[in-house]
Amino acid sequence: MKTKTLILILLITLVVGGCKDSSKDSTKDLNKDSTNKTINEPIDNASKNSIKSEGLKLDYSKGYESKAKVQFKRLEAMKSFYKKAKNLDLKVHVELLDKEEWTKKYKDVPYGMPFVMLEETPTVVLPATEDGIIVKNALVYKDNVPSDIKKTLSEIGFTYEEAVKLFPDLIGLHEVGHSLTVENGNTNLNSWFNEFMATYYAYAYLVKEEPKYAKLWKANASITYLDGSKPKYTALKDFDEKYSQIQPDNYDWYQKQFTLLAVRVYDSMGLDFIDKVKDVFKDDVVDSDETFNKLHTISPIFDQWASEMKNKFK
């Protein structure tokens, strides 16, 4: 991800919040706090349309307090996780907006398309409702979803429609991942590897704290080009050098390749990978080739994946 004041994140990932839970895994119920109070009960630090704690702030549109509490609990959980695991001090501001407020503040960004503004304190903007552009576009192809994907989603505890409606709420995890990447000292990564690391932070958190949704994120990474078409760009150099030319569906394809790679690397190295990246990437920004030279010293998985990427759609 190139350094920009405004970065649109077209990644369709996963989200949780108020969905039915038919699984029996150990996923925490973030709709309840440690005392088993539901999200509809008062939170001490909630005032008007804002919730705050040290380093975290979430502003939300009137009428969406319950959803805001779900999102804020996840932010706090992620902050706590990385503080304990890697001594990283997460600082982020989130805006959860309805269509009216979104349009007034960010008229140039389609409603429902999450994005992040990388400022002194990163600001992540998310939709408060389920009728944004990402959900609408994904539901167009609901009849094209392969049966094996539907089966996988069902085993996790979701229909395709339910999963799609959850997508935008926690795309913010990927955005928070960008903040953690910077917090960890890696401010010099090239575009594709920066996006990969943001996803890695998000996925690693989910595996440990909300495994059901880690499974959903992985399943979602297999859902691309349901209309039968193929991506125009597939090379990593294209992602770096033609970033602004890549269309949303193609961008989504890239992001999902990064997700599948994150799964493989995490399965092999877990959180130790984050330390390796911090140590290896200390120099100035490097291009894609040099990035792979550095990654070669960390894990052979990247060489294998690069070869697979070159052979896609041949």
Protein backbone atom coordinates (compact mmCIF):
# COMPACT_ATOMS: atom_id res chain seq x y z
CA MET A 1 0.00 0.00 0.00
CA LYS A 2 1.55 3.27 -1.05
CA THR A 3 1.60 6.06 1.52
CA LYS A 4 -1.58 8.04 0.94
CA THR A 5 -3.73 10.30 3.04
CA LEU A 6 -6.80 8.38 1.96
CA ILE A 7 -6.65 4.69 1.14
CA LEU A 8 -9.71 2.92 -0.16
CA ILE A 9 -9.91 -0.61 1.05
CA LEU A 10 -11.88 -2.74 -1.37
CA LEU A 11 -11.04 -5.93 0.45
CA ILE A 12 -14.17 -7.98 1.08
CA THR A 13 -13.30 -9.85 4.22
CA LEU A 14 -15.50 -10.94 7.04
CA VAL A 15 -17.28 -9.54 9.92
CA VAL A 16 -19.07 -10.59 12.96
CA GLY A 17 -21.66 -8.94 15.04
CA GLY A 18 -25.15 -10.14 15.82
CA CYS A 19 -25.09 -13.20 13.54
CA LYS A 20 -26.49 -16.55 14.58
CA ASP A 21 -23.88 -18.91 15.96
CA SER A 22 -24.54 -22.52 15.11
CA SER A 23 -20.95 -23.66 15.67
CA LYS A 24 -19.58 -25.22 18.81
CA ASP A 25 -16.05 -23.80 18.67
CA SER A 26 -14.43 -21.65 21.35
CA THR A 27 -15.15 -18.28 19.76
CA LYS A 28 -15.74 -15.57 22.33
CA ASP A 29 -19.10 -13.84 22.36
CA LEU A 30 -18.14 -10.21 21.93
CA ASN A 31 -21.81 -9.29 22.23
CA LYS A 32 -21.26 -9.79 25.95
CA ASP A 33 -18.62 -8.46 28.31
CA SER A 34 -16.66 -10.33 30.95
CA THR A 35 -19.59 -10.09 33.36
CA ASN A 36 -21.94 -11.55 30.75
CA LYS A 37 -23.83 -8.29 30.24
CA THR A 38 -25.31 -7.88 26.79
CA ILE A 39 -24.39 -5.05 24.45
CA ASN A 40 -27.72 -3.36 25.16
CA GLU A 41 -26.66 -2.63 28.71
CA PRO A 42 -24.80 0.62 29.49
CA ILE A 43 -21.06 0.95 29.02
CA ASP A 44 -19.47 3.34 31.51
CA ASN A 45 -17.33 5.16 28.94
CA ALA A 46 -20.10 5.61 26.38
CA SER A 47 -21.38 9.17 26.06
CA LYS A 48 -23.69 10.49 23.38
CA ASN A 49 -22.30 9.20 20.06
CA SER A 50 -18.80 8.28 21.16
CA ILE A 51 -17.04 5.48 23.03
CA LYS A 52 -13.49 5.91 24.30
CA SER A 53 -10.73 4.14 26.12
CA GLU A 54 -6.97 4.65 26.18
CA GLY A 55 -5.75 4.99 22.59
CA LEU A 56 -9.14 4.08 21.12
CA LYS A 57 -12.13 6.16 20.06
CA LEU A 58 -15.25 5.18 18.14
CA ASP A 59 -17.76 7.79 16.92
CA TYR A 60 -21.07 6.51 15.60
CA SER A 61 -24.26 7.76 14.00
CA LYS A 62 -27.30 8.15 16.22
CA GLY A 63 -29.29 4.94 16.54
CA TYR A 64 -26.36 2.54 16.15
CA GLU A 65 -25.11 2.33 19.73
CA SER A 66 -25.44 -1.46 19.99
CA LYS A 67 -23.45 -2.03 16.84
CA ALA A 68 -20.88 0.52 17.97
CA LYS A 69 -20.41 -1.38 21.24
CA VAL A 70 -19.78 -4.62 19.35
CA GLN A 71 -17.17 -2.94 17.19
CA PHE A 72 -15.53 -1.22 20.15
CA LYS A 73 -15.25 -4.43 22.13
CA ARG A 74 -13.45 -5.99 19.21
CA LEU A 75 -11.06 -3.04 19.03
CA GLU A 76 -10.33 -3.38 22.74
CA ALA A 77 -9.83 -7.12 22.37
CA MET A 78 -7.39 -6.63 19.50
CA LYS A 79 -5.53 -3.91 21.39
CA SER A 80 -5.23 -6.14 24.45
CA PHE A 81 -4.15 -9.12 22.37
CA TYR A 82 -1.25 -7.34 20.67
CA LYS A 83 -0.21 -5.55 23.85
CA LYS A 84 0.22 -8.89 25.58
CA ALA A 85 1.60 -10.78 22.58
CA LYS A 86 3.97 -8.18 21.09
CA ASN A 87 3.91 -5.16 23.41
CA LEU A 88 2.33 -3.05 20.66
CA ASP A 89 0.27 -0.07 21.76
CA LEU A 90 -2.62 0.24 19.32
CA LYS A 91 -4.05 3.71 18.71
CA VAL A 92 -6.93 4.13 16.27
CA HIS A 93 -10.07 6.19 15.68
CA VAL A 94 -13.13 4.58 14.08
CA GLU A 95 -16.18 6.28 12.56
CA LEU A 96 -19.29 4.11 12.19
CA LEU A 97 -21.61 6.14 9.98
CA ASP A 98 -25.05 5.85 8.44
CA LYS A 99 -25.53 6.83 4.81
CA GLU A 100 -26.59 10.40 5.56
CA GLU A 101 -23.57 11.24 7.71
CA TRP A 102 -21.19 9.36 5.44
CA THR A 103 -22.37 11.28 2.38
CA LYS A 104 -21.98 14.62 4.17
CA LYS A 105 -18.44 13.90 5.31
CA TYR A 106 -17.06 11.71 2.53
CA LYS A 107 -19.14 12.39 -0.56
CA ASP A 108 -16.42 11.11 -2.91
CA VAL A 109 -16.41 7.63 -1.36
CA PRO A 110 -19.33 5.28 -2.16
CA TYR A 111 -21.34 4.44 0.94
CA GLY A 112 -20.42 1.10 2.40
CA MET A 113 -16.84 1.01 1.09
CA PRO A 114 -14.61 1.04 4.20
CA PHE A 115 -11.43 3.07 4.10
CA VAL A 116 -8.64 4.34 6.31
CA MET A 117 -7.01 7.73 6.60
CA LEU A 118 -3.42 7.38 7.73
CA GLU A 119 -2.93 10.38 9.96
CA GLU A 120 -1.14 10.82 13.28
CA THR A 121 -3.90 8.65 14.70
CA PRO A 122 -5.27 6.46 11.88
CA THR A 123 -8.99 6.86 11.23
CA VAL A 124 -11.03 3.94 9.93
CA VAL A 125 -14.46 4.69 8.42
CA LEU A 126 -17.09 1.93 8.36
CA PRO A 127 -20.78 1.77 7.37
CA ALA A 128 -23.37 1.42 10.13
CA THR A 129 -25.90 -0.39 7.94
CA GLU A 130 -25.96 -3.43 5.67
CA ASP A 131 -27.07 -1.68 2.47
CA GLY A 132 -23.69 -0.37 1.30
CA ILE A 133 -22.00 -0.96 -2.03
CA ILE A 134 -19.96 -4.00 -0.96
CA VAL A 135 -22.98 -5.92 0.29
CA LYS A 136 -25.13 -4.97 -2.70
CA ASN A 137 -22.47 -6.01 -5.20
CA ALA A 138 -21.77 -9.31 -3.47
CA LEU A 139 -25.46 -10.27 -3.30
CA VAL A 140 -25.84 -9.84 -7.06
CA TYR A 141 -23.96 -13.11 -7.55
CA LYS A 142 -25.53 -15.15 -4.76
CA ASP A 143 -26.89 -17.69 -7.27
CA ASN A 144 -23.39 -18.19 -8.70
CA VAL A 145 -21.75 -19.28 -5.47
CA PRO A 146 -20.30 -22.80 -5.87
CA SER A 147 -21.93 -25.51 -3.77
CA ASP A 148 -18.66 -26.35 -2.01
CA ILE A 149 -18.33 -22.75 -0.82
CA LYS A 150 -21.92 -22.75 0.44
CA LYS A 151 -21.20 -26.02 2.24
CA THR A 152 -18.07 -24.58 3.86
CA LEU A 153 -19.92 -21.46 5.00
CA SER A 154 -22.73 -23.60 6.38
CA GLU A 155 -20.28 -25.71 8.37
CA ILE A 156 -18.87 -22.53 9.89
CA GLY A 157 -22.38 -21.32 10.73
CA PHE A 158 -23.43 -18.94 7.93
CA THR A 159 -25.44 -18.79 4.75
CA TYR A 160 -23.83 -16.85 1.93
CA GLU A 161 -26.31 -14.00 2.44
CA GLU A 162 -25.53 -13.83 6.16
CA ALA A 163 -21.80 -13.81 5.52
CA VAL A 164 -22.08 -11.08 2.90
CA LYS A 165 -24.01 -8.81 5.25
CA LEU A 166 -21.25 -9.23 7.81
CA PHE A 167 -18.43 -8.36 5.40
CA PRO A 168 -18.11 -4.58 5.95
CA ASP A 169 -18.38 -4.43 9.74
CA LEU A 170 -14.93 -5.81 10.49
CA ILE A 171 -13.01 -4.93 7.39
CA GLY A 172 -11.72 -2.54 10.00
CA LEU A 173 -9.58 -5.38 11.35
CA HIS A 174 -7.48 -5.18 8.20
CA GLU A 175 -7.31 -1.40 8.61
CA VAL A 176 -6.26 -1.77 12.22
CA GLY A 177 -3.60 -4.12 10.88
CA HIS A 178 -2.10 -1.19 8.97
CA SER A 179 -1.85 0.72 12.24
CA LEU A 180 -0.14 -2.22 13.91
CA THR A 181 2.29 -2.55 11.01
CA VAL A 182 3.40 1.05 11.57
CA GLU A 183 3.43 0.61 15.34
CA ASN A 184 5.78 -2.35 14.89
CA GLY A 185 8.24 -0.15 13.02
CA ASN A 186 7.62 -1.39 9.48
CA THR A 187 6.89 1.91 7.75
CA ASN A 188 8.92 1.05 4.66
CA LEU A 189 7.09 -1.90 3.10
CA ASN A 190 6.14 -1.94 -0.56
CA SER A 191 2.47 -1.96 -1.59
CA TRP A 192 1.61 -5.66 -1.79
CA PHE A 193 3.59 -6.67 1.29
CA ASN A 194 2.09 -3.84 3.32
CA GLU A 195 -1.39 -5.09 2.43
CA PHE A 196 -0.34 -8.63 3.29
CA MET A 197 0.94 -7.57 6.71
CA ALA A 198 -2.29 -5.71 7.52
CA THR A 199 -4.18 -8.90 6.80
CA TYR A 200 -1.68 -10.97 8.77
CA TYR A 201 -2.25 -8.93 11.93
CA ALA A 202 -6.01 -9.27 11.52
CA TYR A 203 -5.95 -12.98 10.78
CA ALA A 204 -3.52 -13.80 13.59
CA TYR A 205 -5.79 -12.04 16.07
CA LEU A 206 -8.85 -13.92 14.84
CA VAL A 207 -7.15 -17.33 14.98
CA LYS A 208 -6.34 -16.83 18.65
CA GLU A 209 -9.36 -14.89 19.86
CA GLU A 210 -12.23 -15.52 17.43
CA PRO A 211 -11.42 -18.73 15.50
CA LYS A 212 -14.86 -19.05 13.96
CA TYR A 213 -14.33 -15.84 12.06
CA ALA A 214 -10.80 -16.76 11.07
CA LYS A 215 -12.43 -19.72 9.30
CA LEU A 216 -14.94 -17.39 7.68
CA TRP A 217 -12.17 -15.08 6.47
CA LYS A 218 -10.34 -18.05 4.94
CA ALA A 219 -13.50 -19.33 3.26
CA ASN A 220 -14.28 -15.91 1.86
CA ALA A 221 -10.84 -15.77 0.22
CA SER A 222 -11.99 -18.49 -2.19
CA ILE A 223 -14.94 -16.40 -3.43
CA THR A 224 -13.71 -14.44 -6.44
CA TYR A 225 -15.04 -13.61 -9.90
CA LEU A 226 -18.42 -15.29 -9.51
CA ASP A 227 -19.37 -13.86 -12.90
CA GLY A 228 -16.85 -16.19 -14.56
CA SER A 229 -14.39 -13.51 -15.64
CA LYS A 230 -10.67 -13.34 -14.79
CA PRO A 231 -8.43 -10.65 -13.30
CA LYS A 232 -6.63 -8.32 -15.70
CA TYR A 233 -3.62 -8.07 -13.43
CA THR A 234 -2.09 -10.95 -11.47
CA ALA A 235 1.59 -9.99 -11.07
CA LEU A 236 2.77 -8.53 -7.79
CA LYS A 237 4.74 -5.88 -9.67
CA ASP A 238 1.47 -4.76 -11.24
CA PHE A 239 -0.03 -4.35 -7.79
CA ASP A 240 2.93 -2.16 -6.82
CA GLU A 241 3.31 -0.19 -10.05
CA LYS A 242 -0.29 0.01 -11.35
CA TYR A 243 -2.07 0.36 -8.03
CA SER A 244 -4.36 3.19 -9.15
CA GLN A 245 -5.34 1.34 -12.33
CA ILE A 246 -6.55 -1.84 -10.65
CA GLN A 247 -10.33 -2.19 -10.65
CA PRO A 248 -12.23 -3.16 -7.47
CA ASP A 249 -12.87 -6.80 -8.44
CA ASN A 250 -9.21 -7.24 -9.41
CA TYR A 251 -8.09 -5.54 -6.19
CA ASP A 252 -10.33 -7.89 -4.24
CA TRP A 253 -8.69 -10.84 -6.01
CA TYR A 254 -5.24 -9.67 -4.96
CA GLN A 255 -6.34 -9.17 -1.37
CA LYS A 256 -7.72 -12.67 -1.24
CA GLN A 257 -4.45 -14.11 -2.52
CA PHE A 258 -2.76 -12.26 0.34
CA THR A 259 -5.26 -13.79 2.76
CA LEU A 260 -4.57 -17.32 1.55
CA LEU A 261 -0.84 -16.65 1.86
CA ALA A 262 -1.35 -15.30 5.38
CA VAL A 263 -3.09 -18.54 6.34
CA ARG A 264 -0.15 -20.60 5.09
CA VAL A 265 2.49 -18.47 6.78
CA TYR A 266 0.58 -18.30 10.06
CA ASP A 267 0.12 -22.07 10.10
CA SER A 268 3.90 -22.38 9.77
CA MET A 269 5.23 -19.52 11.89
CA GLY A 270 2.42 -18.02 13.94
CA LEU A 271 3.19 -14.73 15.67
CA ASP A 272 6.95 -15.27 15.34
CA PHE A 273 6.63 -14.11 11.73
CA ILE A 274 5.85 -10.58 12.95
CA ASP A 275 9.18 -10.44 14.80
CA LYS A 276 11.06 -11.72 11.76
CA VAL A 277 9.54 -9.03 9.55
CA LYS A 278 10.45 -6.33 12.04
CA ASP A 279 14.07 -7.46 12.03
CA VAL A 280 14.49 -8.09 8.30
CA PHE A 281 12.72 -5.01 6.93
CA LYS A 282 14.65 -2.19 8.55
CA ASP A 283 15.94 -0.43 5.44
CA ASP A 284 14.34 1.95 2.96
CA VAL A 285 11.35 0.91 0.86
CA VAL A 286 12.31 -1.93 -1.48
CA ASP A 287 10.67 -3.17 -4.69
CA SER A 288 8.87 -6.48 -5.10
CA ASP A 289 12.00 -8.40 -6.15
CA GLU A 290 14.03 -7.21 -3.17
CA THR A 291 11.05 -7.89 -0.91
CA PHE A 292 11.15 -11.53 -2.00
CA ASN A 293 14.91 -11.66 -1.47
CA LYS A 294 14.31 -10.64 2.13
CA LEU A 295 11.33 -12.94 2.59
CA HIS A 296 13.42 -15.84 1.27
CA THR A 297 15.48 -15.57 4.46
CA ILE A 298 12.34 -15.90 6.58
CA SER A 299 10.39 -18.75 4.99
CA PRO A 300 10.41 -20.86 1.78
CA ILE A 301 6.63 -20.45 1.64
CA PHE A 302 7.02 -17.11 -0.13
CA ASP A 303 9.09 -18.59 -2.96
CA GLN A 304 6.50 -21.34 -3.40
CA TRP A 305 3.67 -18.83 -3.42
CA ALA A 306 5.44 -16.52 -5.89
CA SER A 307 5.84 -19.43 -8.31
CA GLU A 308 2.16 -20.30 -7.93
CA MET A 309 1.16 -16.68 -8.59
CA LYS A 310 3.18 -16.60 -11.82
CA ASN A 311 1.41 -19.71 -13.07
CA LYS A 312 -2.14 -18.57 -12.32
CA PHE A 313 -4.43 -18.38 -15.38
CA LYS A 314 -1.76 -19.67 -17.77
